[in-house]
Amino acid sequence: LIDTIKEKQKTTEKQAEAFIKELEQEISEL
């Protein structure tokens, strides 16, 4: 259970990092 939850958390963190990177790129262009 702990491994499953941590794995989901890691996936969420990676997804958030990708969104943040994309948002920062759009902020630079804007």
All heavy atoms as atom14 arrays in JSON, in Angstrom:
{
  "sequence": "LIDTIKEKQKTTEKQAEAFIKELEQEISEL",
  "atom14_mask": [
    [1, 1, 1, 1, 1, 1, 1, 1, 0, 0, 0, 0, 0, 0],
    [1, 1, 1, 1, 1, 1, 1, 1, 0, 0, 0, 0, 0, 0],
    [1, 1, 1, 1, 1, 1, 1, 1, 0, 0, 0, 0, 0, 0],
    [1, 1, 1, 1, 1, 1, 1, 0, 0, 0, 0, 0, 0, 0],
    [1, 1, 1, 1, 1, 1, 1, 1, 0, 0, 0, 0, 0, 0],
    [1, 1, 1, 1, 1, 1, 1, 1, 1, 0, 0, 0, 0, 0],
    [1, 1, 1, 1, 1, 1, 1, 1, 1, 0, 0, 0, 0, 0],
    [1, 1, 1, 1, 1, 1, 1, 1, 1, 0, 0, 0, 0, 0],
    [1, 1, 1, 1, 1, 1, 1, 1, 1, 0, 0, 0, 0, 0],
    [1, 1, 1, 1, 1, 1, 1, 1, 1, 0, 0, 0, 0, 0],
    [1, 1, 1, 1, 1, 1, 1, 0, 0, 0, 0, 0, 0, 0],
    [1, 1, 1, 1, 1, 1, 1, 0, 0, 0, 0, 0, 0, 0],
    [1, 1, 1, 1, 1, 1, 1, 1, 1, 0, 0, 0, 0, 0],
    [1, 1, 1, 1, 1, 1, 1, 1, 1, 0, 0, 0, 0, 0],
    [1, 1, 1, 1, 1, 1, 1, 1, 1, 0, 0, 0, 0, 0],
    [1, 1, 1, 1, 1, 0, 0, 0, 0, 0, 0, 0, 0, 0],
    [1, 1, 1, 1, 1, 1, 1, 1, 1, 0, 0, 0, 0, 0],
    [1, 1, 1, 1, 1, 0, 0, 0, 0, 0, 0, 0, 0, 0],
    [1, 1, 1, 1, 1, 1, 1, 1, 1, 1, 1, 0, 0, 0],
    [1, 1, 1, 1, 1, 1, 1, 1, 0, 0, 0, 0, 0, 0],
    [1, 1, 1, 1, 1, 1, 1, 1, 1, 0, 0, 0, 0, 0],
    [1, 1, 1, 1, 1, 1, 1, 1, 1, 0, 0, 0, 0, 0],
    [1, 1, 1, 1, 1, 1, 1, 1, 0, 0, 0, 0, 0, 0],
    [1, 1, 1, 1, 1, 1, 1, 1, 1, 0, 0, 0, 0, 0],
    [1, 1, 1, 1, 1, 1, 1, 1, 1, 0, 0, 0, 0, 0],
    [1, 1, 1, 1, 1, 1, 1, 1, 1, 0, 0, 0, 0, 0],
    [1, 1, 1, 1, 1, 1, 1, 1, 0, 0, 0, 0, 0, 0],
    [1, 1, 1, 1, 1, 1, 0, 0, 0, 0, 0, 0, 0, 0],
    [1, 1, 1, 1, 1, 1, 1, 1, 1, 0, 0, 0, 0, 0],
    [1, 1, 1, 1, 1, 1, 1, 1, 0, 0, 0, 0, 0, 0]
  ],
  "atom14_positions": [
    [[0.83, -1.21, 0.0], [0.0, 0.0, 0.0], [0.86, 1.25, 0.0], [0.63, 2.2, -0.77], [-0.92, -0.02, 1.22], [-1.77, 1.24, 1.44], [-2.75, 1.43, 0.28], [-2.53, 1.16, 2.77], [0.0, 0.0, 0.0], [0.0, 0.0, 0.0], [0.0, 0.0, 0.0], [0.0, 0.0, 0.0], [0.0, 0.0, 0.0], [0.0, 0.0, 0.0]],
    [[1.87, 1.26, 0.86], [2.75, 2.43, 0.92], [3.49, 2.63, -0.4], [3.61, 3.76, -0.91], [3.74, 2.27, 2.1], [2.98, 2.29, 3.43], [4.79, 3.37, 2.08], [3.85, 1.99, 4.63], [0.0, 0.0, 0.0], [0.0, 0.0, 0.0], [0.0, 0.0, 0.0], [0.0, 0.0, 0.0], [0.0, 0.0, 0.0], [0.0, 0.0, 0.0]],
    [[3.96, 1.52, -0.98], [4.68, 1.63, -2.26], [3.75, 2.16, -3.35], [4.15, 3.0, -4.19], [5.23, 0.26, -2.66], [6.35, -0.19, -1.74], [6.92, 0.66, -1.04], [6.63, -1.42, -1.7], [0.0, 0.0, 0.0], [0.0, 0.0, 0.0], [0.0, 0.0, 0.0], [0.0, 0.0, 0.0], [0.0, 0.0, 0.0], [0.0, 0.0, 0.0]],
    [[2.5, 1.69, -3.34], [1.56, 2.16, -4.36], [1.31, 3.66, -4.23], [1.29, 4.41, -5.22], [0.23, 1.4, -4.22], [0.49, -0.01, -4.4], [-0.77, 1.85, -5.27], [0.0, 0.0, 0.0], [0.0, 0.0, 0.0], [0.0, 0.0, 0.0], [0.0, 0.0, 0.0], [0.0, 0.0, 0.0], [0.0, 0.0, 0.0], [0.0, 0.0, 0.0]],
    [[1.07, 4.09, -2.98], [0.8, 5.52, -2.75], [2.03, 6.36, -3.11], [1.91, 7.42, -3.75], [0.38, 5.74, -1.29], [-0.96, 5.04, -1.02], [0.29, 7.23, -0.97], [-1.4, 5.11, 0.42], [0.0, 0.0, 0.0], [0.0, 0.0, 0.0], [0.0, 0.0, 0.0], [0.0, 0.0, 0.0], [0.0, 0.0, 0.0], [0.0, 0.0, 0.0]],
    [[3.22, 5.89, -2.72], [4.44, 6.64, -3.05], [4.66, 6.69, -4.56], [5.13, 7.7, -5.1], [5.64, 5.99, -2.36], [5.68, 6.23, -0.86], [6.94, 5.64, -0.25], [7.02, 5.95, 1.24], [8.26, 5.39, 1.85], [0.0, 0.0, 0.0], [0.0, 0.0, 0.0], [0.0, 0.0, 0.0], [0.0, 0.0, 0.0], [0.0, 0.0, 0.0]],
    [[4.34, 5.58, -5.23], [4.5, 5.56, -6.69], [3.57, 6.58, -7.34], [3.96, 7.3, -8.28], [4.22, 4.15, -7.21], [4.57, 3.94, -8.67], [6.04, 4.07, -8.95], [6.85, 3.78, -8.04], [6.39, 4.48, -10.09], [0.0, 0.0, 0.0], [0.0, 0.0, 0.0], [0.0, 0.0, 0.0], [0.0, 0.0, 0.0], [0.0, 0.0, 0.0]],
    [[2.32, 6.64, -6.84], [1.4, 7.66, -7.37], [1.91, 9.06, -7.1], [1.78, 9.97, -7.94], [0.02, 7.48, -6.74], [-0.76, 6.3, -7.3], [-2.19, 6.33, -6.8], [-3.03, 5.22, -7.46], [-4.44, 5.28, -7.01], [0.0, 0.0, 0.0], [0.0, 0.0, 0.0], [0.0, 0.0, 0.0], [0.0, 0.0, 0.0], [0.0, 0.0, 0.0]],
    [[2.49, 9.24, -5.92], [3.01, 10.56, -5.57], [4.17, 10.95, -6.48], [4.28, 12.1, -6.94], [3.45, 10.57, -4.1], [4.07, 11.87, -3.64], [3.1, 13.04, -3.7], [1.88, 12.84, -3.72], [3.61, 14.26, -3.75], [0.0, 0.0, 0.0], [0.0, 0.0, 0.0], [0.0, 0.0, 0.0], [0.0, 0.0, 0.0], [0.0, 0.0, 0.0]],
    [[5.04, 9.99, -6.78], [6.15, 10.27, -7.68], [5.65, 10.63, -9.08], [6.15, 11.56, -9.73], [7.07, 9.05, -7.76], [7.89, 8.83, -6.5], [8.79, 7.61, -6.66], [9.62, 7.39, -5.4], [10.49, 6.19, -5.53], [0.0, 0.0, 0.0], [0.0, 0.0, 0.0], [0.0, 0.0, 0.0], [0.0, 0.0, 0.0], [0.0, 0.0, 0.0]],
    [[4.63, 9.88, -9.52], [4.05, 10.18, -10.83], [3.45, 11.58, -10.85], [3.59, 12.35, -11.82], [2.97, 9.14, -11.17], [3.56, 7.82, -11.15], [2.37, 9.39, -12.54], [0.0, 0.0, 0.0], [0.0, 0.0, 0.0], [0.0, 0.0, 0.0], [0.0, 0.0, 0.0], [0.0, 0.0, 0.0], [0.0, 0.0, 0.0], [0.0, 0.0, 0.0]],
    [[2.76, 11.92, -9.74], [2.17, 13.27, -9.64], [3.24, 14.34, -9.66], [3.11, 15.38, -10.33], [1.33, 13.38, -8.36], [0.32, 12.37, -8.38], [0.7, 14.75, -8.24], [0.0, 0.0, 0.0], [0.0, 0.0, 0.0], [0.0, 0.0, 0.0], [0.0, 0.0, 0.0], [0.0, 0.0, 0.0], [0.0, 0.0, 0.0], [0.0, 0.0, 0.0]],
    [[4.35, 14.1, -8.97], [5.43, 15.08, -8.92], [6.05, 15.28, -10.3], [6.35, 16.41, -10.72], [6.49, 14.64, -7.91], [6.01, 14.72, -6.45], [7.05, 14.18, -5.49], [8.1, 13.68, -5.96], [6.82, 14.25, -4.26], [0.0, 0.0, 0.0], [0.0, 0.0, 0.0], [0.0, 0.0, 0.0], [0.0, 0.0, 0.0], [0.0, 0.0, 0.0]],
    [[6.26, 14.18, -11.03], [6.83, 14.3, -12.38], [5.9, 15.07, -13.3], [6.32, 15.91, -14.1], [7.09, 12.9, -12.95], [8.24, 12.18, -12.26], [8.45, 10.79, -12.89], [9.61, 10.07, -12.22], [9.83, 8.72, -12.81], [0.0, 0.0, 0.0], [0.0, 0.0, 0.0], [0.0, 0.0, 0.0], [0.0, 0.0, 0.0], [0.0, 0.0, 0.0]],
    [[4.59, 14.75, -13.17], [3.61, 15.46, -14.01], [3.6, 16.94, -13.66], [3.53, 17.82, -14.56], [2.24, 14.83, -13.81], [1.17, 15.39, -14.73], [-0.19, 14.73, -14.48], [-0.4, 14.16, -13.43], [-1.06, 14.83, -15.47], [0.0, 0.0, 0.0], [0.0, 0.0, 0.0], [0.0, 0.0, 0.0], [0.0, 0.0, 0.0], [0.0, 0.0, 0.0]],
    [[3.69, 17.26, -12.38], [3.69, 18.67, -11.96], [4.93, 19.39, -12.47], [4.87, 20.55, -12.92], [3.61, 18.74, -10.44], [0.0, 0.0, 0.0], [0.0, 0.0, 0.0], [0.0, 0.0, 0.0], [0.0, 0.0, 0.0], [0.0, 0.0, 0.0], [0.0, 0.0, 0.0], [0.0, 0.0, 0.0], [0.0, 0.0, 0.0], [0.0, 0.0, 0.0]],
    [[6.08, 18.74, -12.43], [7.31, 19.34, -12.92], [7.2, 19.66, -14.43], [7.64, 20.71, -14.9], [8.49, 18.4, -12.67], [8.86, 18.29, -11.2], [9.97, 17.28, -10.98], [10.4, 16.64, -11.99], [10.41, 17.1, -9.83], [0.0, 0.0, 0.0], [0.0, 0.0, 0.0], [0.0, 0.0, 0.0], [0.0, 0.0, 0.0], [0.0, 0.0, 0.0]],
    [[6.57, 18.74, -15.16], [6.39, 18.98, -16.61], [5.46, 20.16, -16.85], [5.73, 21.01, -17.73], [5.83, 17.71, -17.27], [0.0, 0.0, 0.0], [0.0, 0.0, 0.0], [0.0, 0.0, 0.0], [0.0, 0.0, 0.0], [0.0, 0.0, 0.0], [0.0, 0.0, 0.0], [0.0, 0.0, 0.0], [0.0, 0.0, 0.0], [0.0, 0.0, 0.0]],
    [[4.37, 20.22, -16.08], [3.45, 21.36, -16.21], [4.14, 22.67, -15.86], [3.98, 23.7, -16.54], [2.23, 21.14, -15.32], [1.29, 20.1, -15.83], [0.42, 19.43, -14.96], [1.25, 19.77, -17.18], [-0.46, 18.47, -15.43], [0.37, 18.82, -17.66], [-0.48, 18.15, -16.78], [0.0, 0.0, 0.0], [0.0, 0.0, 0.0], [0.0, 0.0, 0.0]],
    [[4.91, 22.64, -14.77], [5.59, 23.87, -14.34], [6.58, 24.33, -15.4], [6.7, 25.53, -15.71], [6.29, 23.64, -13.0], [5.25, 23.45, -11.89], [7.23, 24.79, -12.65], [5.82, 23.03, -10.56], [0.0, 0.0, 0.0], [0.0, 0.0, 0.0], [0.0, 0.0, 0.0], [0.0, 0.0, 0.0], [0.0, 0.0, 0.0], [0.0, 0.0, 0.0]],
    [[7.32, 23.38, -15.97], [8.29, 23.72, -17.0], [7.6, 24.36, -18.21], [8.06, 25.35, -18.79], [9.05, 22.46, -17.41], [10.15, 22.72, -18.41], [10.92, 21.45, -18.72], [12.04, 21.71, -19.7], [12.8, 20.49, -20.04], [0.0, 0.0, 0.0], [0.0, 0.0, 0.0], [0.0, 0.0, 0.0], [0.0, 0.0, 0.0], [0.0, 0.0, 0.0]],
    [[6.46, 23.74, -18.59], [5.71, 24.26, -19.73], [5.14, 25.64, -19.43], [5.16, 26.56, -20.29], [4.59, 23.28, -20.1], [3.86, 23.64, -21.39], [2.83, 22.6, -21.75], [2.78, 21.54, -21.06], [2.07, 22.83, -22.72], [0.0, 0.0, 0.0], [0.0, 0.0, 0.0], [0.0, 0.0, 0.0], [0.0, 0.0, 0.0], [0.0, 0.0, 0.0]],
    [[4.66, 25.82, -18.19], [4.11, 27.12, -17.79], [5.21, 28.18, -17.75], [5.0, 29.34, -18.17], [3.44, 27.0, -16.42], [2.08, 26.28, -16.4], [1.64, 26.0, -14.96], [1.01, 27.12, -17.12], [0.0, 0.0, 0.0], [0.0, 0.0, 0.0], [0.0, 0.0, 0.0], [0.0, 0.0, 0.0], [0.0, 0.0, 0.0], [0.0, 0.0, 0.0]],
    [[6.36, 27.83, -17.25], [7.47, 28.8, -17.21], [7.89, 29.22, -18.63], [8.24, 30.39, -18.87], [8.65, 28.19, -16.45], [8.41, 28.09, -14.96], [9.57, 27.41, -14.24], [10.44, 26.83, -14.95], [9.61, 27.46, -12.99], [0.0, 0.0, 0.0], [0.0, 0.0, 0.0], [0.0, 0.0, 0.0], [0.0, 0.0, 0.0], [0.0, 0.0, 0.0]],
    [[7.83, 28.25, -19.54], [8.19, 28.57, -20.93], [7.17, 29.54, -21.53], [7.54, 30.5, -22.23], [8.26, 27.28, -21.76], [8.72, 27.5, -23.19], [8.85, 26.2, -23.95], [8.64, 25.13, -23.4], [9.22, 26.31, -25.23], [0.0, 0.0, 0.0], [0.0, 0.0, 0.0], [0.0, 0.0, 0.0], [0.0, 0.0, 0.0], [0.0, 0.0, 0.0]],
    [[5.88, 29.27, -21.23], [4.84, 30.18, -21.74], [4.96, 31.55, -21.08], [4.74, 32.59, -21.74], [3.46, 29.58, -21.48], [3.14, 28.38, -22.37], [1.7, 27.95, -22.24], [0.95, 28.61, -21.47], [1.3, 26.98, -22.9], [0.0, 0.0, 0.0], [0.0, 0.0, 0.0], [0.0, 0.0, 0.0], [0.0, 0.0, 0.0], [0.0, 0.0, 0.0]],
    [[5.32, 31.57, -19.8], [5.49, 32.87, -19.12], [6.63, 33.67, -19.79], [6.54, 34.89, -19.99], [5.77, 32.65, -17.63], [4.51, 32.12, -16.92], [6.27, 33.94, -16.96], [4.73, 31.71, -15.49], [0.0, 0.0, 0.0], [0.0, 0.0, 0.0], [0.0, 0.0, 0.0], [0.0, 0.0, 0.0], [0.0, 0.0, 0.0], [0.0, 0.0, 0.0]],
    [[7.69, 32.98, -20.16], [8.83, 33.65, -20.81], [8.39, 34.25, -22.14], [8.74, 35.41, -22.49], [9.96, 32.65, -21.0], [11.04, 33.25, -21.68], [0.0, 0.0, 0.0], [0.0, 0.0, 0.0], [0.0, 0.0, 0.0], [0.0, 0.0, 0.0], [0.0, 0.0, 0.0], [0.0, 0.0, 0.0], [0.0, 0.0, 0.0], [0.0, 0.0, 0.0]],
    [[7.63, 33.47, -22.9], [7.18, 33.96, -24.21], [6.21, 35.13, -24.02], [6.27, 36.12, -24.75], [6.51, 32.82, -24.97], [7.49, 31.73, -25.39], [6.79, 30.59, -26.11], [5.53, 30.65, -26.21], [7.47, 29.65, -26.56], [0.0, 0.0, 0.0], [0.0, 0.0, 0.0], [0.0, 0.0, 0.0], [0.0, 0.0, 0.0], [0.0, 0.0, 0.0]],
    [[5.29, 35.0, -23.07], [4.33, 36.08, -22.82], [5.04, 37.34, -22.34], [4.64, 38.48, -22.68], [3.28, 35.62, -21.8], [2.3, 34.54, -22.29], [1.42, 34.05, -21.14], [1.43, 35.09, -23.42], [0.0, 0.0, 0.0], [0.0, 0.0, 0.0], [0.0, 0.0, 0.0], [0.0, 0.0, 0.0], [0.0, 0.0, 0.0], [0.0, 0.0, 0.0]]
  ]
}
